[in-house]
């Protein structure tokens, strides 16, 4: 193995051994499959996100139903 300097620092790094051609194509195909599935999942997530943005917002609180004053939910905390 040949020792060389990393282009981003002064740290010495060793060259990686190149895998045999068959092994390299297997690894490459695995990476391509993983990338493809990741791309598909990202597309699905983007579609769901866009759908959620277009959906009307619902009421999140029923503040009018909360008692106020002495009977209030947090009156004893004050």
PDB file of N, CA and C in Angstrom:
ATOM      1  N   UNK A   1       0.828  -1.179   0.000  1.00  0.00           N
ATOM      2  CA  UNK A   1       0.000   0.000   0.000  1.00  0.00           C
ATOM      3  C   UNK A   1       0.870   1.240   0.000  1.00  0.00           C
ATOM      4  N   UNK A   2       0.361   2.246  -0.649  1.00  0.00           N
ATOM      5  CA  UNK A   2       1.086   3.508  -0.744  1.00  0.00           C
ATOM      6  C   UNK A   2       0.507   4.475   0.276  1.00  0.00           C
ATOM      7  N   UNK A   3       1.371   5.173   0.994  1.00  0.00           N
ATOM      8  CA  UNK A   3       0.929   6.174   1.944  1.00  0.00           C
ATOM      9  C   UNK A   3       0.978   7.524   1.261  1.00  0.00           C
ATOM     10  N   UNK A   4      -0.101   8.311   1.442  1.00  0.00           N
ATOM     11  CA  UNK A   4      -0.140   9.644   0.836  1.00  0.00           C
ATOM     12  C   UNK A   4      -0.794  10.594   1.820  1.00  0.00           C
ATOM     13  N   UNK A   5      -0.707  11.884   1.539  1.00  0.00           N
ATOM     14  CA  UNK A   5      -1.341  12.885   2.377  1.00  0.00           C
ATOM     15  C   UNK A   5      -2.770  13.101   1.906  1.00  0.00           C
ATOM     16  N   UNK A   6      -3.669  13.242   2.868  1.00  0.00           N
ATOM     17  CA  UNK A   6      -5.058  13.554   2.564  1.00  0.00           C
ATOM     18  C   UNK A   6      -5.109  14.965   1.985  1.00  0.00           C
ATOM     19  N   UNK A   7      -5.960  15.190   0.990  1.00  0.00           N
ATOM     20  CA  UNK A   7      -6.023  16.495   0.338  1.00  0.00           C
ATOM     21  C   UNK A   7      -6.606  17.568   1.246  1.00  0.00           C
ATOM     22  N   UNK A   8      -7.320  17.180   2.313  1.00  0.00           N
ATOM     23  CA  UNK A   8      -7.943  18.159   3.189  1.00  0.00           C
ATOM     24  C   UNK A   8      -7.134  18.433   4.454  1.00  0.00           C
ATOM     25  N   UNK A   9      -6.134  17.644   4.702  1.00  0.00           N
ATOM     26  CA  UNK A   9      -5.355  17.831   5.915  1.00  0.00           C
ATOM     27  C   UNK A   9      -3.943  17.310   5.693  1.00  0.00           C
ATOM     28  N   UNK A  10      -3.192  17.328   6.741  1.00  0.00           N
ATOM     29  CA  UNK A  10      -1.826  16.815   6.653  1.00  0.00           C
ATOM     30  C   UNK A  10      -1.732  15.408   7.226  1.00  0.00           C
ATOM     31  N   UNK A  11      -2.871  14.775   7.446  1.00  0.00           N
ATOM     32  CA  UNK A  11      -2.907  13.420   7.980  1.00  0.00           C
ATOM     33  C   UNK A  11      -2.564  12.422   6.887  1.00  0.00           C
ATOM     34  N   UNK A  12      -1.734  11.481   7.218  1.00  0.00           N
ATOM     35  CA  UNK A  12      -1.389  10.459   6.244  1.00  0.00           C
ATOM     36  C   UNK A  12      -2.489   9.409   6.202  1.00  0.00           C
ATOM     37  N   UNK A  13      -2.888   9.039   5.006  1.00  0.00           N
ATOM     38  CA  UNK A  13      -3.900   7.999   4.828  1.00  0.00           C
ATOM     39  C   UNK A  13      -3.357   6.949   3.886  1.00  0.00           C
ATOM     40  N   UNK A  14      -3.874   5.749   4.020  1.00  0.00           N
ATOM     41  CA  UNK A  14      -3.441   4.674   3.135  1.00  0.00           C
ATOM     42  C   UNK A  14      -4.439   4.527   2.004  1.00  0.00           C
ATOM     43  N   UNK A  15      -3.960   4.200   0.819  1.00  0.00           N
ATOM     44  CA  UNK A  15      -4.839   3.956  -0.322  1.00  0.00           C
ATOM     45  C   UNK A  15      -5.723   2.755  -0.031  1.00  0.00           C
ATOM     46  N   UNK A  16      -6.968   2.842  -0.493  1.00  0.00           N
ATOM     47  CA  UNK A  16      -7.864   1.702  -0.347  1.00  0.00           C
ATOM     48  C   UNK A  16      -7.560   0.695  -1.432  1.00  0.00           C
ATOM     49  N   UNK A  17      -7.720  -0.555  -1.078  1.00  0.00           N
ATOM     50  CA  UNK A  17      -7.541  -1.588  -2.084  1.00  0.00           C
ATOM     51  C   UNK A  17      -8.785  -1.636  -2.951  1.00  0.00           C
ATOM     52  N   UNK A  18      -8.604  -1.729  -4.247  1.00  0.00           N
ATOM     53  CA  UNK A  18      -9.732  -1.826  -5.160  1.00  0.00           C
ATOM     54  C   UNK A  18     -10.258  -3.251  -5.142  1.00  0.00           C
ATOM     55  N   UNK A  19     -11.577  -3.410  -4.875  1.00  0.00           N
ATOM     56  CA  UNK A  19     -12.124  -4.772  -4.842  1.00  0.00           C
ATOM     57  C   UNK A  19     -12.141  -5.378  -6.238  1.00  0.00           C
ATOM     58  N   UNK A  20     -12.191  -6.682  -6.313  1.00  0.00           N
ATOM     59  CA  UNK A  20     -12.280  -7.336  -7.625  1.00  0.00           C
ATOM     60  C   UNK A  20     -13.517  -6.855  -8.389  1.00  0.00           C
ATOM     61  N   UNK A  21     -13.477  -6.953  -9.699  1.00  0.00           N
ATOM     62  CA  UNK A  21     -14.531  -6.402 -10.560  1.00  0.00           C
ATOM     63  C   UNK A  21     -15.922  -6.924 -10.207  1.00  0.00           C
ATOM     64  N   UNK A  22     -16.077  -8.218  -9.994  1.00  0.00           N
ATOM     65  CA  UNK A  22     -17.377  -8.794  -9.656  1.00  0.00           C
ATOM     66  C   UNK A  22     -17.911  -8.289  -8.335  1.00  0.00           C
ATOM     67  N   UNK A  23     -17.024  -8.200  -7.363  1.00  0.00           N
ATOM     68  CA  UNK A  23     -17.402  -7.722  -6.040  1.00  0.00           C
ATOM     69  C   UNK A  23     -17.804  -6.254  -6.099  1.00  0.00           C
ATOM     70  N   UNK A  24     -17.088  -5.488  -6.919  1.00  0.00           N
ATOM     71  CA  UNK A  24     -17.370  -4.066  -7.056  1.00  0.00           C
ATOM     72  C   UNK A  24     -18.752  -3.855  -7.680  1.00  0.00           C
ATOM     73  N   UNK A  25     -19.098  -4.629  -8.692  1.00  0.00           N
ATOM     74  CA  UNK A  25     -20.397  -4.455  -9.332  1.00  0.00           C
ATOM     75  C   UNK A  25     -21.530  -4.877  -8.400  1.00  0.00           C
ATOM     76  N   UNK A  26     -21.293  -5.869  -7.546  1.00  0.00           N
ATOM     77  CA  UNK A  26     -22.297  -6.282  -6.574  1.00  0.00           C
ATOM     78  C   UNK A  26     -22.546  -5.165  -5.572  1.00  0.00           C
ATOM     79  N   UNK A  27     -21.484  -4.580  -5.071  1.00  0.00           N
ATOM     80  CA  UNK A  27     -21.617  -3.481  -4.122  1.00  0.00           C
ATOM     81  C   UNK A  27     -22.304  -2.297  -4.781  1.00  0.00           C
ATOM     82  N   UNK A  28     -21.947  -2.018  -6.022  1.00  0.00           N
ATOM     83  CA  UNK A  28     -22.541  -0.904  -6.750  1.00  0.00           C
ATOM     84  C   UNK A  28     -24.037  -1.128  -6.952  1.00  0.00           C
ATOM     85  N   UNK A  29     -24.432  -2.337  -7.291  1.00  0.00           N
ATOM     86  CA  UNK A  29     -25.856  -2.616  -7.489  1.00  0.00           C
ATOM     87  C   UNK A  29     -26.620  -2.512  -6.170  1.00  0.00           C
ATOM     88  N   UNK A  30     -26.003  -2.912  -5.063  1.00  0.00           N
ATOM     89  CA  UNK A  30     -26.648  -2.772  -3.758  1.00  0.00           C
ATOM     90  C   UNK A  30     -26.850  -1.304  -3.413  1.00  0.00           C
ATOM     91  N   UNK A  31     -25.855  -0.493  -3.693  1.00  0.00           N
ATOM     92  CA  UNK A  31     -25.959   0.941  -3.426  1.00  0.00           C
ATOM     93  C   UNK A  31     -27.044   1.559  -4.304  1.00  0.00           C
ATOM     94  N   UNK A  32     -27.106   1.143  -5.568  1.00  0.00           N
ATOM     95  CA  UNK A  32     -28.134   1.670  -6.472  1.00  0.00           C
ATOM     96  C   UNK A  32     -29.534   1.297  -5.989  1.00  0.00           C
ATOM     97  N   UNK A  33     -29.716   0.052  -5.529  1.00  0.00           N
ATOM     98  CA  UNK A  33     -31.015  -0.381  -5.012  1.00  0.00           C
ATOM     99  C   UNK A  33     -31.409   0.435  -3.787  1.00  0.00           C
ATOM    100  N   UNK A  34     -30.457   0.634  -2.896  1.00  0.00           N
ATOM    101  CA  UNK A  34     -30.729   1.394  -1.685  1.00  0.00           C
ATOM    102  C   UNK A  34     -31.068   2.837  -2.021  1.00  0.00           C
ATOM    103  N   UNK A  35     -30.350   3.411  -2.959  1.00  0.00           N
ATOM    104  CA  UNK A  35     -30.616   4.780  -3.388  1.00  0.00           C
ATOM    105  C   UNK A  35     -31.996   4.888  -4.023  1.00  0.00           C
ATOM    106  N   UNK A  36     -32.355   3.906  -4.820  1.00  0.00           N
ATOM    107  CA  UNK A  36     -33.663   3.896  -5.472  1.00  0.00           C
ATOM    108  C   UNK A  36     -34.789   3.820  -4.444  1.00  0.00           C
ATOM    109  N   UNK A  37     -34.642   2.943  -3.453  1.00  0.00           N
ATOM    110  CA  UNK A  37     -35.687   2.822  -2.430  1.00  0.00           C
ATOM    111  C   UNK A  37     -35.757   4.083  -1.573  1.00  0.00           C
ATOM    112  N   UNK A  38     -34.615   4.694  -1.302  1.00  0.00           N
ATOM    113  CA  UNK A  38     -34.596   5.936  -0.543  1.00  0.00           C
ATOM    114  C   UNK A  38     -35.291   7.045  -1.323  1.00  0.00           C
ATOM    115  N   UNK A  39     -35.036   7.090  -2.615  1.00  0.00           N
ATOM    116  CA  UNK A  39     -35.671   8.096  -3.466  1.00  0.00           C
ATOM    117  C   UNK A  39     -37.181   7.903  -3.478  1.00  0.00           C
ATOM    118  N   UNK A  40     -37.635   6.650  -3.553  1.00  0.00           N
ATOM    119  CA  UNK A  40     -39.068   6.352  -3.558  1.00  0.00           C
ATOM    120  C   UNK A  40     -39.704   6.773  -2.231  1.00  0.00           C
ATOM    121  N   UNK A  41     -39.049   6.458  -1.118  1.00  0.00           N
ATOM    122  CA  UNK A  41     -39.578   6.836   0.190  1.00  0.00           C
ATOM    123  C   UNK A  41     -39.619   8.349   0.360  1.00  0.00           C
ATOM    124  N   UNK A  42     -38.619   9.041  -0.160  1.00  0.00           N
ATOM    125  CA  UNK A  42     -38.592  10.494  -0.087  1.00  0.00           C
ATOM    126  C   UNK A  42     -39.737  11.093  -0.897  1.00  0.00           C
ATOM    127  N   UNK A  43     -40.013  10.519  -2.057  1.00  0.00           N
ATOM    128  CA  UNK A  43     -41.123  10.986  -2.887  1.00  0.00           C
ATOM    129  C   UNK A  43     -42.448  10.789  -2.154  1.00  0.00           C
ATOM    130  N   UNK A  44     -42.634   9.620  -1.532  1.00  0.00           N
ATOM    131  CA  UNK A  44     -43.856   9.354  -0.775  1.00  0.00           C
ATOM    132  C   UNK A  44     -44.005  10.322   0.393  1.00  0.00           C
ATOM    133  N   UNK A  45     -42.917  10.586   1.097  1.00  0.00           N
ATOM    134  CA  UNK A  45     -42.949  11.503   2.227  1.00  0.00           C
ATOM    135  C   UNK A  45     -43.270  12.921   1.766  1.00  0.00           C
ATOM    136  N   UNK A  46     -42.698  13.334   0.653  1.00  0.00           N
ATOM    137  CA  UNK A  46     -42.969  14.658   0.100  1.00  0.00           C
ATOM    138  C   UNK A  46     -44.439  14.786  -0.277  1.00  0.00           C
ATOM    139  N   UNK A  47     -44.997  13.746  -0.895  1.00  0.00           N
ATOM    140  CA  UNK A  47     -46.417  13.760  -1.259  1.00  0.00           C
ATOM    141  C   UNK A  47     -47.300  13.892  -0.019  1.00  0.00           C
ATOM    142  N   UNK A  48     -46.983  13.139   1.032  1.00  0.00           N
ATOM    143  CA  UNK A  48     -47.757  13.218   2.270  1.00  0.00           C
ATOM    144  C   UNK A  48     -47.648  14.607   2.893  1.00  0.00           C
ATOM    145  N   UNK A  49     -46.457  15.186   2.850  1.00  0.00           N
ATOM    146  CA  UNK A  49     -46.234  16.508   3.421  1.00  0.00           C
ATOM    147  C   UNK A  49     -47.036  17.557   2.662  1.00  0.00           C
ATOM    148  N   UNK A  50     -47.015  17.485   1.323  1.00  0.00           N
ATOM    149  CA  UNK A  50     -47.773  18.435   0.515  1.00  0.00           C
ATOM    150  C   UNK A  50     -49.272  18.284   0.766  1.00  0.00           C
ATOM    151  N   UNK A  51     -49.732  17.054   0.920  1.00  0.00           N
ATOM    152  CA  UNK A  51     -51.147  16.799   1.199  1.00  0.00           C
ATOM    153  C   UNK A  51     -51.527  17.384   2.560  1.00  0.00           C
ATOM    154  N   UNK A  52     -50.648  17.233   3.535  1.00  0.00           N
ATOM    155  CA  UNK A  52     -50.907  17.768   4.873  1.00  0.00           C
ATOM    156  C   UNK A  52     -50.948  19.290   4.860  1.00  0.00           C
ATOM    157  N   UNK A  53     -50.106  19.908   4.049  1.00  0.00           N
ATOM    158  CA  UNK A  53     -50.107  21.365   3.967  1.00  0.00           C
ATOM    159  C   UNK A  53     -51.396  21.892   3.350  1.00  0.00           C
ATOM    160  N   UNK A  54     -51.972  21.139   2.431  1.00  0.00           N
ATOM    161  CA  UNK A  54     -53.189  21.575   1.750  1.00  0.00           C
ATOM    162  C   UNK A  54     -54.443  21.308   2.575  1.00  0.00           C
ATOM    163  N   UNK A  55     -54.364  20.422   3.552  1.00  0.00           N
ATOM    164  CA  UNK A  55     -55.526  20.074   4.372  1.00  0.00           C
ATOM    165  C   UNK A  55     -55.881  21.242   5.290  1.00  0.00           C
ATOM    166  N   UNK A  56     -57.181  21.480   5.492  1.00  0.00           N
ATOM    167  CA  UNK A  56     -57.576  22.585   6.379  1.00  0.00           C
ATOM    168  C   UNK A  56     -57.199  22.277   7.829  1.00  0.00           C
ATOM    169  N   UNK A  57     -56.849  23.322   8.534  1.00  0.00           N
ATOM    170  CA  UNK A  57     -56.460  23.161   9.932  1.00  0.00           C
ATOM    171  C   UNK A  57     -57.703  22.984  10.788  1.00  0.00           C
ATOM    172  N   UNK A  58     -57.632  22.098  11.728  1.00  0.00           N
ATOM    173  CA  UNK A  58     -58.746  21.884  12.649  1.00  0.00           C
ATOM    174  C   UNK A  58     -58.559  22.713  13.903  1.00  0.00           C
ATOM    175  N   UNK A  59     -59.589  22.747  14.738  1.00  0.00           N
ATOM    176  CA  UNK A  59     -59.469  23.447  16.013  1.00  0.00           C
ATOM    177  C   UNK A  59     -58.528  22.658  16.909  1.00  0.00           C
ATOM    178  N   UNK A  60     -57.608  23.355  17.517  1.00  0.00           N
ATOM    179  CA  UNK A  60     -56.656  22.666  18.382  1.00  0.00           C
ATOM    180  C   UNK A  60     -57.010  22.816  19.847  1.00  0.00           C
ATOM    181  N   UNK A  61     -57.780  23.870  20.176  1.00  0.00           N
ATOM    182  CA  UNK A  61     -58.179  24.062  21.568  1.00  0.00           C
ATOM    183  C   UNK A  61     -59.647  24.435  21.622  1.00  0.00           C
ATOM    184  N   UNK A  62     -60.228  24.200  22.754  1.00  0.00           N
ATOM    185  CA  UNK A  62     -61.596  24.628  23.010  1.00  0.00           C
ATOM    186  C   UNK A  62     -61.541  25.620  24.166  1.00  0.00           C
ATOM    187  N   UNK A  63     -60.869  26.729  23.944  1.00  0.00           N
ATOM    188  CA  UNK A  63     -60.646  27.708  24.999  1.00  0.00           C
ATOM    189  C   UNK A  63     -61.954  28.262  25.544  1.00  0.00           C
ATOM    190  N   UNK A  64     -62.978  28.353  24.720  1.00  0.00           N
ATOM    191  CA  UNK A  64     -64.258  28.884  25.183  1.00  0.00           C
ATOM    192  C   UNK A  64     -64.923  27.949  26.184  1.00  0.00           C
ATOM    193  N   UNK A  65     -64.591  26.687  26.149  1.00  0.00           N
ATOM    194  CA  UNK A  65     -65.186  25.713  27.061  1.00  0.00           C
ATOM    195  C   UNK A  65     -64.472  25.654  28.408  1.00  0.00           C
ATOM    196  N   UNK A  66     -63.325  26.298  28.522  1.00  0.00           N
ATOM    197  CA  UNK A  66     -62.562  26.276  29.766  1.00  0.00           C
ATOM    198  C   UNK A  66     -63.185  27.246  30.769  1.00  0.00           C
ATOM    199  N   UNK A  67     -63.418  26.789  31.996  1.00  0.00           N
ATOM    200  CA  UNK A  67     -63.928  27.724  33.004  1.00  0.00           C
ATOM    201  C   UNK A  67     -62.862  28.755  33.358  1.00  0.00           C
ATOM    202  N   UNK A  68     -63.323  29.952  33.702  1.00  0.00           N
ATOM    203  CA  UNK A  68     -62.389  31.025  34.054  1.00  0.00           C
ATOM    204  C   UNK A  68     -62.572  31.410  35.511  1.00  0.00           C
ATOM    205  N   UNK A  69     -61.717  32.250  36.002  1.00  0.00           N
ATOM    206  CA  UNK A  69     -61.838  32.761  37.365  1.00  0.00           C
ATOM    207  C   UNK A  69     -61.487  31.708  38.397  1.00  0.00           C
ATOM    208  N   UNK A  70     -62.285  31.666  39.494  1.00  0.00           N
ATOM    209  CA  UNK A  70     -62.035  30.743  40.600  1.00  0.00           C
ATOM    210  C   UNK A  70     -62.159  29.285  40.184  1.00  0.00           C
ATOM    211  N   UNK A  71     -62.941  29.019  39.161  1.00  0.00           N
ATOM    212  CA  UNK A  71     -63.164  27.654  38.703  1.00  0.00           C
ATOM    213  C   UNK A  71     -62.227  27.269  37.557  1.00  0.00           C
ATOM    214  N   UNK A  72     -61.296  28.144  37.229  1.00  0.00           N
ATOM    215  CA  UNK A  72     -60.408  27.914  36.093  1.00  0.00           C
ATOM    216  C   UNK A  72     -59.481  26.731  36.310  1.00  0.00           C
ATOM    217  N   UNK A  73     -59.033  26.190  35.208  1.00  0.00           N
ATOM    218  CA  UNK A  73     -58.187  24.998  35.242  1.00  0.00           C
ATOM    219  C   UNK A  73     -56.888  25.239  36.006  1.00  0.00           C
ATOM    220  N   UNK A  74     -56.325  26.436  35.837  1.00  0.00           N
ATOM    221  CA  UNK A  74     -55.031  26.735  36.453  1.00  0.00           C
ATOM    222  C   UNK A  74     -55.161  27.761  37.584  1.00  0.00           C
ATOM    223  N   UNK A  75     -56.366  27.981  38.094  1.00  0.00           N
ATOM    224  CA  UNK A  75     -56.561  29.028  39.099  1.00  0.00           C
ATOM    225  C   UNK A  75     -55.786  28.745  40.387  1.00  0.00           C
ATOM    226  N   UNK A  76     -55.609  27.512  40.729  1.00  0.00           N
ATOM    227  CA  UNK A  76     -54.917  27.172  41.975  1.00  0.00           C
ATOM    228  C   UNK A  76     -53.399  27.316  41.861  1.00  0.00           C
ATOM    229  N   UNK A  77     -52.901  27.443  40.637  1.00  0.00           N
ATOM    230  CA  UNK A  77     -51.461  27.582  40.454  1.00  0.00           C
ATOM    231  C   UNK A  77     -50.986  29.007  40.686  1.00  0.00           C
ATOM    232  N   UNK A  78     -51.890  29.965  40.613  1.00  0.00           N
ATOM    233  CA  UNK A  78     -51.511  31.378  40.774  1.00  0.00           C
ATOM    234  C   UNK A  78     -51.448  31.787  42.207  1.00  0.00           C
TER     235      UNK A  78
END
